[in-house]
């Protein structure tokens, strides 16, 4: 192999490494969210979508209603309050599951 062949091979490998880094974003990476190409115009990389806000609110509802249900259990509250808290927890968690499954399509 000549020196030119080695250089061409290295350049080709670097091209593929750059393409891999660009095309395979790590969804579990902690840090500022990266804007997807063609996303909200003028939104910028730090823009928060409606879906992100809704998901955060649903998680808050799940946690708060589960804690409320636990507190009601320790306080010996009426069964109707337990049921209401449980229904809210199940509905919020179910909504998160459905949104997660639809988002994968």
Protein backbone atom coordinates (compact mmCIF):
# COMPACT_ATOMS: atom_id res chain seq x y z
CA UNK A 1 0.00 0.00 0.00
CA UNK A 2 1.34 3.41 -0.90
CA UNK A 3 1.32 6.50 1.25
CA UNK A 4 -1.56 7.91 -0.85
CA UNK A 5 -3.61 4.74 -0.28
CA UNK A 6 -3.14 5.04 3.46
CA UNK A 7 -4.22 8.68 3.39
CA UNK A 8 -7.31 7.87 1.29
CA UNK A 9 -8.24 5.05 3.64
CA UNK A 10 -7.86 7.33 6.69
CA UNK A 11 -9.95 10.08 5.07
CA UNK A 12 -12.67 7.57 4.15
CA UNK A 13 -12.71 6.16 7.70
CA UNK A 14 -12.93 9.70 9.18
CA UNK A 15 -15.87 10.45 6.87
CA UNK A 16 -17.77 7.40 8.17
CA UNK A 17 -16.93 8.27 11.79
CA UNK A 18 -18.36 11.78 11.31
CA UNK A 19 -21.49 10.39 9.64
CA UNK A 20 -21.98 7.88 12.48
CA UNK A 21 -21.68 10.61 15.11
CA UNK A 22 -24.15 12.80 13.24
CA UNK A 23 -26.75 10.09 12.51
CA UNK A 24 -26.70 8.21 15.81
CA UNK A 25 -27.56 10.63 18.57
CA UNK A 26 -27.62 9.13 22.05
CA UNK A 27 -31.15 9.61 23.43
CA UNK A 28 -29.91 8.87 26.96
CA UNK A 29 -27.14 11.46 26.96
CA UNK A 30 -27.48 14.07 29.68
CA UNK A 31 -27.11 17.59 28.44
CA UNK A 32 -28.79 20.21 26.32
CA UNK A 33 -31.24 18.73 23.81
CA UNK A 34 -30.14 18.93 20.21
CA UNK A 35 -32.54 20.35 17.64
CA UNK A 36 -33.50 17.86 14.99
CA UNK A 37 -33.05 19.01 11.41
CA UNK A 38 -36.26 20.56 10.15
CA UNK A 39 -37.77 20.92 13.61
CA UNK A 40 -39.61 23.98 14.90
CA UNK A 41 -38.46 26.99 12.87
CA UNK A 42 -36.83 29.55 15.13
CA UNK A 43 -37.18 27.20 18.09
CA UNK A 44 -33.46 26.77 18.57
CA UNK A 45 -31.70 23.91 20.31
CA UNK A 46 -33.03 24.87 23.77
CA UNK A 47 -36.71 25.04 22.76
CA UNK A 48 -39.06 22.94 24.90
CA UNK A 49 -41.84 21.19 23.03
CA UNK A 50 -45.43 20.77 24.17
CA UNK A 51 -44.84 17.04 24.41
CA UNK A 52 -41.98 17.56 26.87
CA UNK A 53 -44.14 19.78 29.07
CA UNK A 54 -47.05 17.32 28.97
CA UNK A 55 -44.79 14.37 29.80
CA UNK A 56 -43.32 16.27 32.76
CA UNK A 57 -46.78 17.18 34.04
CA UNK A 58 -47.99 13.59 33.68
CA UNK A 59 -45.02 12.30 35.64
CA UNK A 60 -45.71 14.88 38.35
CA UNK A 61 -49.34 13.73 38.52
CA UNK A 62 -48.28 10.07 38.76
CA UNK A 63 -45.85 10.77 41.60
CA UNK A 64 -48.16 13.12 43.52
CA UNK A 65 -51.20 10.87 43.25
CA UNK A 66 -49.17 7.80 44.31
CA UNK A 67 -47.81 9.71 47.33
CA UNK A 68 -51.32 10.92 48.15
CA UNK A 69 -52.62 7.36 47.94
CA UNK A 70 -49.88 6.19 50.30
CA UNK A 71 -50.59 9.03 52.74
CA UNK A 72 -54.31 8.21 52.65
CA UNK A 73 -53.47 4.59 53.46
CA UNK A 74 -51.44 5.56 56.52
CA UNK A 75 -54.11 8.04 57.64
CA UNK A 76 -56.88 5.45 57.38
CA UNK A 77 -58.99 7.58 55.03
CA UNK A 78 -62.20 6.51 53.34
CA UNK A 79 -62.13 3.98 50.51
CA UNK A 80 -63.55 6.49 48.03
CA UNK A 81 -60.46 8.69 48.46
CA UNK A 82 -58.16 5.71 47.86
CA UNK A 83 -60.06 4.82 44.72
CA UNK A 84 -60.02 8.37 43.39
CA UNK A 85 -56.28 8.67 43.96
CA UNK A 86 -55.65 5.27 42.41
CA UNK A 87 -57.74 6.10 39.34
CA UNK A 88 -55.79 9.32 38.80
CA UNK A 89 -52.50 7.41 39.11
CA UNK A 90 -53.59 4.71 36.66
CA UNK A 91 -54.92 7.21 34.11
CA UNK A 92 -51.76 9.34 34.18
CA UNK A 93 -49.48 6.30 33.99
CA UNK A 94 -51.57 4.80 31.18
CA UNK A 95 -51.38 8.05 29.25
CA UNK A 96 -47.59 8.04 29.60
CA UNK A 97 -47.44 4.46 28.32
CA UNK A 98 -49.69 5.18 25.34
CA UNK A 99 -47.74 8.30 24.40
CA UNK A 100 -44.47 6.37 24.71
CA UNK A 101 -45.69 3.58 22.46
CA UNK A 102 -47.08 6.00 19.86
CA UNK A 103 -43.82 7.92 19.88
CA UNK A 104 -41.89 4.83 18.79
CA UNK A 105 -43.80 4.48 15.52
